[in-house]
Protein backbone atom coordinates (compact mmCIF):
# COMPACT_ATOMS: atom_id res chain seq x y z
CA MET A 1 0.09 0.45 -0.02
CA ILE A 2 1.30 3.60 -0.61
CA ARG A 3 0.42 6.17 1.62
CA VAL A 4 0.59 9.71 1.26
CA VAL A 5 -0.28 12.87 3.67
CA ALA A 6 -0.93 15.94 2.18
CA PRO A 7 -0.37 18.93 4.37
CA SER A 8 -3.27 21.67 4.42
CA ARG A 9 -3.21 25.18 2.90
CA LEU A 10 -3.83 28.63 4.83
CA HIS A 11 -3.87 31.13 2.33
CA PHE A 12 -3.79 34.68 3.40
CA GLY A 13 -4.99 36.57 0.35
CA LEU A 14 -4.55 37.76 -3.15
CA PHE A 15 -1.71 40.80 -4.62
CA ARG A 16 -3.85 41.55 -7.35
CA VAL A 17 -7.85 40.55 -7.93
CA PRO A 18 -8.62 40.10 -11.71
CA THR A 19 -11.67 43.00 -12.20
CA ALA A 20 -14.49 42.54 -13.71
CA GLY A 21 -13.15 44.03 -17.24
CA GLY A 22 -9.56 41.49 -16.40
CA ALA A 23 -6.61 42.78 -15.95
CA GLY A 24 -5.99 45.38 -18.70
CA ASP A 25 -2.65 46.25 -18.38
CA GLY A 26 -0.70 42.53 -18.55
CA ALA A 27 0.36 42.57 -15.20
CA PRO A 28 0.60 39.31 -13.57
CA ALA A 29 -2.63 38.57 -11.32
CA PHE A 30 -3.47 37.14 -8.09
CA GLY A 31 -0.19 35.85 -6.71
CA GLY A 32 -0.37 35.93 -2.81
CA LEU A 33 0.64 34.37 0.68
CA GLY A 34 -0.15 31.68 2.42
CA LEU A 35 1.29 29.00 4.63
CA LEU A 36 1.34 25.16 4.65
CA ILE A 37 0.00 23.09 8.35
CA ASP A 38 0.19 19.61 9.09
CA ARG A 39 -3.62 19.46 10.06
CA PRO A 40 -6.26 18.54 9.31
CA GLY A 41 -4.59 17.40 6.11
CA VAL A 42 -5.50 15.08 3.34
CA VAL A 43 -5.07 11.28 3.80
CA VAL A 44 -4.85 9.03 0.51
CA ASP A 45 -4.40 5.21 0.37
CA VAL A 46 -3.65 3.19 -2.91
CA ARG A 47 -3.13 -0.20 -3.19
CA PRO A 48 -3.20 -3.00 -6.42
CA ALA A 49 -7.54 -4.04 -6.91
CA ASP A 50 -8.98 -5.99 -9.77
CA SER A 51 -10.61 -3.17 -10.72
CA TRP A 52 -10.44 0.96 -9.91
CA ARG A 53 -12.37 1.51 -6.25
CA PHE A 54 -12.85 4.86 -5.08
CA GLU A 55 -13.55 5.26 -1.41
CA GLY A 56 -13.83 7.65 1.64
CA ALA A 57 -14.28 11.44 1.80
CA LEU A 58 -14.95 13.41 -1.41
CA ALA A 59 -14.22 10.00 -3.50
CA SER A 60 -15.93 10.73 -6.83
CA ARG A 61 -13.71 14.11 -6.87
CA ALA A 62 -10.81 11.59 -6.25
CA GLN A 63 -11.77 9.28 -8.88
CA ALA A 64 -11.63 12.11 -11.19
CA PHE A 65 -8.45 13.72 -10.31
CA ALA A 66 -7.10 9.61 -10.83
CA ALA A 67 -8.63 9.31 -14.69
CA ARG A 68 -7.15 12.95 -15.02
CA PHE A 69 -3.78 11.52 -13.95
CA MET A 70 -4.30 8.54 -15.68
CA ALA A 71 -4.73 9.92 -18.82
CA SER A 72 -1.96 11.46 -18.56
CA LEU A 73 0.61 8.43 -18.61
CA PRO A 74 1.72 6.93 -21.86
CA GLU A 75 -1.32 5.82 -24.73
CA ALA A 76 -1.21 2.11 -22.51
CA ALA A 77 -2.07 3.62 -19.63
CA ARG A 78 -4.44 6.19 -21.08
CA ARG A 79 -5.87 3.41 -23.73
CA GLN A 80 -6.64 1.14 -19.87
CA VAL A 81 -8.33 4.22 -17.75
CA GLN A 82 -10.58 4.84 -20.97
CA SER A 83 -11.20 0.77 -21.02
CA GLY A 84 -11.17 -0.49 -17.27
CA GLU A 85 -9.31 -3.28 -18.75
CA PRO A 86 -5.58 -3.84 -19.53
CA PRO A 87 -4.37 -3.21 -23.15
CA ALA A 88 -3.51 -7.21 -24.32
CA GLY A 89 0.67 -7.58 -24.88
CA SER A 90 1.65 -4.41 -22.72
CA PRO A 91 3.58 -5.68 -19.66
CA ASP A 92 4.05 -2.31 -18.17
CA THR A 93 1.27 -1.30 -17.85
CA PRO A 94 -0.15 0.26 -14.53
CA SER A 95 -2.11 -2.18 -12.10
CA ARG A 96 -6.31 -1.55 -11.63
CA PHE A 97 -6.00 0.48 -7.92
CA GLN A 98 -8.18 0.71 -5.22
CA LEU A 99 -8.12 4.53 -3.67
CA LEU A 100 -9.23 5.59 -0.36
CA VAL A 101 -9.44 8.91 0.79
CA GLU A 102 -8.83 7.71 4.74
CA ARG A 103 -8.94 11.60 5.78
CA CYS A 104 -9.87 15.44 4.66
CA PRO A 105 -11.38 18.23 5.24
CA ALA A 106 -14.86 19.98 4.47
CA GLU A 107 -14.58 21.71 1.42
CA HIS A 108 -14.81 25.60 0.88
CA THR A 109 -13.67 25.76 4.44
CA GLY A 110 -10.19 28.38 3.52
CA LEU A 111 -7.95 25.11 3.86
CA GLY A 112 -7.31 24.15 -0.34
CA VAL A 113 -8.91 21.01 -0.20
CA GLY A 114 -9.26 20.77 -4.33
CA THR A 115 -5.34 21.20 -4.39
CA GLN A 116 -3.80 19.03 -1.82
CA LEU A 117 -6.95 16.71 -2.35
CA GLY A 118 -5.56 16.32 -6.32
CA LEU A 119 -1.87 16.28 -5.74
CA ALA A 120 -2.13 13.39 -3.16
CA VAL A 121 -4.28 11.30 -5.35
CA ALA A 122 -2.01 12.07 -8.01
CA LYS A 123 1.15 11.65 -6.12
CA ALA A 124 -0.04 8.18 -4.78
CA LEU A 125 -0.89 6.77 -8.13
CA ALA A 126 2.56 8.44 -9.26
CA VAL A 127 4.86 6.65 -7.07
CA ALA A 128 1.96 3.16 -8.15
CA CYS A 129 3.14 3.60 -11.12
CA GLY A 130 6.65 4.23 -11.05
CA ALA A 131 6.84 7.72 -11.67
CA GLY A 132 7.18 8.98 -8.38
CA ASP A 133 10.42 11.20 -8.85
CA LEU A 134 7.37 14.26 -10.47
CA PRO A 135 7.36 17.29 -8.64
CA SER A 136 4.15 19.00 -7.34
CA THR A 137 4.40 21.80 -10.48
CA GLU A 138 4.16 18.13 -12.99
CA LEU A 139 1.40 16.61 -11.12
CA ALA A 140 -0.82 20.19 -10.75
CA ALA A 141 -0.19 20.30 -14.69
CA ARG A 142 -1.51 16.62 -15.14
CA VAL A 143 -4.87 17.40 -12.72
CA GLY A 144 -5.76 20.82 -13.64
CA ARG A 145 -4.35 22.73 -10.70
CA GLY A 146 -2.77 26.13 -9.98
CA GLU A 147 -4.94 27.82 -12.29
CA ARG A 148 -5.30 30.67 -9.90
CA SER A 149 -3.19 30.60 -7.16
CA ALA A 150 0.26 28.35 -6.45
CA ILE A 151 0.66 28.65 -3.07
CA GLY A 152 -0.73 25.44 -2.63
CA VAL A 153 0.91 23.27 -5.29
CA TYR A 154 4.74 24.60 -3.71
CA GLY A 155 3.88 24.35 -0.68
CA PHE A 156 2.81 20.39 -1.12
CA ASP A 157 6.16 19.68 -1.60
CA ARG A 158 7.75 22.30 0.37
CA GLY A 159 6.15 23.36 3.16
CA GLY A 160 6.35 26.11 5.39
CA LEU A 161 5.32 29.81 4.32
CA ILE A 162 5.10 30.61 0.61
CA ALA A 163 4.43 33.50 -1.44
CA ASP A 164 3.58 32.80 -5.37
CA ALA A 165 4.52 36.07 -7.68
CA GLY A 166 1.11 36.20 -9.61
CA LYS A 167 0.54 34.57 -13.25
CA GLU A 168 1.67 36.29 -15.94
CA PRO A 169 -1.09 35.90 -19.00
CA GLY A 170 -1.07 32.13 -20.75
CA ALA A 171 1.25 31.21 -17.88
CA ALA A 172 0.34 27.71 -16.32
CA LEU A 173 1.68 28.19 -12.78
CA ALA A 174 2.67 31.38 -11.61
CA PRO A 175 6.39 31.67 -10.20
CA LEU A 176 7.25 30.94 -6.62
CA LEU A 177 8.70 34.16 -5.22
CA ALA A 178 9.56 32.86 -1.37
CA HIS A 179 9.38 30.19 0.79
CA VAL A 180 10.54 29.61 4.20
CA ALA A 181 10.65 26.90 6.83
CA LEU A 182 8.87 28.10 10.10
CA PRO A 183 9.96 27.59 13.22
CA ALA A 184 8.64 23.97 14.81
CA GLU A 185 7.69 25.09 17.81
CA TRP A 186 5.05 27.89 15.94
CA LYS A 187 1.34 26.74 15.98
CA VAL A 188 -1.57 27.36 14.63
CA VAL A 189 -5.10 27.58 16.07
CA LEU A 190 -7.61 26.85 13.30
CA PHE A 191 -11.53 28.03 14.46
CA THR A 192 -15.02 27.32 12.84
CA PRO A 193 -17.07 30.47 13.33
CA PRO A 194 -20.67 28.75 13.75
CA GLY A 195 -22.85 30.58 11.51
CA ALA A 196 -20.35 31.60 9.17
CA ALA A 197 -21.53 31.58 5.33
CA ARG A 198 -19.13 29.73 2.57
CA TRP A 199 -18.10 31.01 -0.38
CA HIS A 200 -17.70 29.28 -3.73
CA GLY A 201 -19.61 28.23 -7.07
CA ASP A 202 -21.89 31.37 -7.23
CA ARG A 203 -21.36 33.36 -4.64
CA GLU A 204 -17.47 33.18 -5.80
CA ARG A 205 -18.10 34.44 -9.19
CA ALA A 206 -20.12 37.10 -7.77
CA ALA A 207 -17.59 38.13 -5.39
CA PHE A 208 -15.12 38.91 -8.18
CA ALA A 209 -17.48 40.23 -10.90
CA THR A 210 -18.14 43.10 -7.78
CA ALA A 211 -14.50 43.45 -6.96
CA HIS A 212 -12.22 46.22 -7.18
CA GLY A 213 -8.48 45.79 -7.65
CA GLY A 214 -7.15 46.82 -4.11
CA ASP A 215 -3.63 48.25 -3.76
CA PRO A 216 -1.20 45.36 -5.39
CA GLY A 217 1.79 47.68 -4.02
CA ALA A 218 1.01 48.09 -0.33
CA LEU A 219 0.26 44.11 -0.12
CA ARG A 220 3.80 43.45 -1.73
CA GLU A 221 5.01 45.44 0.70
CA LEU A 222 3.58 42.89 3.52
CA ALA A 223 3.90 40.01 2.04
CA ASP A 224 7.89 41.21 2.05
CA ALA A 225 7.82 42.18 5.57
CA ALA A 226 5.85 38.66 6.57
CA VAL A 227 8.69 36.82 4.90
CA ARG A 228 11.57 38.80 6.57
CA ALA A 229 10.45 38.57 10.10
CA ALA A 230 9.60 34.79 9.43
CA HIS A 231 13.53 34.46 8.28
CA ARG A 232 13.75 35.93 11.24
CA ALA A 233 11.41 34.04 13.36
CA ASP A 234 9.96 37.47 14.61
CA LEU A 235 6.72 36.22 15.29
CA CYS A 236 5.40 40.01 16.32
CA ASP A 237 6.90 41.72 13.20
CA PHE A 238 4.98 38.27 11.25
CA GLY A 239 1.87 38.57 12.93
CA ASP A 240 1.53 42.37 12.38
CA ALA A 241 2.21 42.19 8.69
CA VAL A 242 0.28 39.20 8.00
CA HIS A 243 -2.66 40.30 9.88
CA GLU A 244 -2.82 43.57 8.07
CA PHE A 245 -1.92 41.99 4.73
CA ASN A 246 -5.42 39.71 4.85
CA ARG A 247 -7.21 42.31 5.70
CA LYS A 248 -6.32 44.81 3.10
CA ALA A 249 -6.24 41.49 0.76
CA GLY A 250 -9.94 41.24 1.69
CA GLU A 251 -11.00 44.95 0.53
CA PRO A 252 -11.54 44.57 -2.86
CA PHE A 253 -14.61 42.21 -1.96
CA ALA A 254 -16.13 44.37 0.78
CA ALA A 255 -18.86 45.11 -1.86
CA ALA A 256 -19.79 41.64 -1.87
CA GLN A 257 -18.82 40.68 1.99
CA GLY A 258 -20.24 43.68 4.04
CA GLY A 259 -16.50 44.32 4.95
CA PRO A 260 -12.33 42.44 4.29
CA TYR A 261 -13.91 39.50 5.73
CA ALA A 262 -16.62 36.71 4.73
CA GLY A 263 -19.37 38.15 7.11
CA PRO A 264 -19.49 39.48 10.56
CA GLU A 265 -18.90 36.01 13.09
CA VAL A 266 -15.58 35.68 10.89
CA ALA A 267 -14.87 39.50 11.60
CA SER A 268 -16.04 39.53 15.51
CA LEU A 269 -13.90 36.67 16.12
CA ILE A 270 -10.64 37.92 14.17
CA GLU A 271 -11.14 41.47 16.32
CA ASP A 272 -11.62 39.72 19.81
CA VAL A 273 -8.44 37.07 19.27
CA ARG A 274 -6.64 40.16 17.96
CA ALA A 275 -7.58 41.95 21.14
CA ALA A 276 -6.21 38.80 22.96
CA GLY A 277 -2.88 39.76 22.09
CA VAL A 278 -2.65 37.23 19.12
CA ARG A 279 -1.11 39.16 15.96
CA ALA A 280 -0.83 36.96 13.44
CA VAL A 281 -4.56 36.75 12.92
CA GLY A 282 -6.95 35.99 9.73
CA GLN A 283 -9.47 34.71 7.22
CA SER A 284 -8.03 32.03 4.79
CA SER A 285 -8.90 32.25 1.92
CA TRP A 286 -13.01 32.90 1.92
CA GLY A 287 -13.43 31.29 5.54
CA PRO A 288 -14.85 30.37 7.28
CA THR A 289 -12.07 29.94 9.29
CA VAL A 290 -9.99 31.85 11.57
CA PHE A 291 -6.68 31.14 11.60
CA ALA A 292 -3.88 32.38 14.58
CA VAL A 293 0.02 31.88 15.05
CA VAL A 294 0.97 31.77 18.21
CA PRO A 295 4.54 30.59 19.41
CA ASP A 296 4.19 27.54 21.10
CA SER A 297 1.53 24.50 21.84
CA ASP A 298 0.98 25.86 25.42
CA ALA A 299 -0.05 29.54 23.94
CA ALA A 300 -2.03 27.28 21.42
CA LEU A 301 -3.47 25.43 24.14
CA SER A 302 -4.61 28.73 26.31
CA LEU A 303 -5.98 30.33 23.17
CA ALA A 304 -8.05 27.12 22.00
CA LEU A 305 -9.56 27.18 25.79
CA ARG A 306 -9.93 30.90 26.05
CA PHE A 307 -12.71 30.78 22.88
CA ARG A 308 -13.99 27.28 23.33
CA ALA A 309 -17.30 29.15 23.77
CA ARG A 310 -17.13 31.15 20.32
CA ALA A 311 -16.11 28.64 17.84
CA PRO A 312 -14.34 24.99 17.88
CA ALA A 313 -10.77 24.91 17.72
CA LEU A 314 -8.21 22.61 15.93
CA VAL A 315 -4.07 22.92 16.96
CA ALA A 316 -1.80 22.32 13.40
CA GLY A 317 1.40 22.76 13.77
CA VAL A 318 3.48 24.55 10.54
CA SER A 319 3.89 21.39 7.79
CA SER A 320 7.51 20.57 5.46
CA GLY A 321 5.11 19.20 3.35
CA HIS A 322 3.61 15.99 2.30
CA THR A 323 5.00 12.71 3.24
CA VAL A 324 4.73 9.13 1.27
CA ALA A 325 5.19 5.73 3.32
């Protein structure tokens, strides 16, 4: 059996939001800053089987990723996945597999589930098919991930703090701008405010349609400040830069959200956690997940207990990337 354990991804925000009329000046779109954490994470198991079987959370989505990855292999493997039978006289054809999504968080919670699941499925099948050295950038191309943000793609292999530079027109994947391995003792508390709305599908498209361009220059400066502070392991400066970056990155969507965050429950919780002395606090992606980066496990437990009446909490560590066993 092959077992791939992938991190979850926090997204702190985009540098540049394409407006309804397009970027217009050829400048890179999207880009941004994020962090890979070890929980809740995605776990995918693959083993040889007599026929293709997909089980566990988001099994149908895992099947779609598997089909795309297998179709990217040489012709013999493409015939196999299309027909369900190994082509005669092709001893190098991969076996069929049973794929179990052993663990996966809910979709549309701000944890990058689509990219991490797609990459975990592709990695497990790549290893099973003798192509285990493919990097995450190649796996992403084969399963159709990284169309906007590349943070989860680069973070799948590297973990840590990731910044991507944004996509040039026509580019397949945004270039990696920065990577920093954060101190292992730093912990991340994840809160899920009850009643907070989930933004995806038509709601997400409507938010982009009404967005304004924001201030890419100021956001880039704040991201650079966060990266410099991370290199120094300075959680205070890191937290201030991340919090301000996250808030400003939400401003282009204020018309749809009613403010820089996804709703009043999220905004109120962020304000109160910040008032409790935590500097690195904000909303991941579209939410509703609220993140708070703290110096150690004791601080994480204390924070989770302090706000346990407000929102369920999970304590995570900083990830160093996926693992294969």
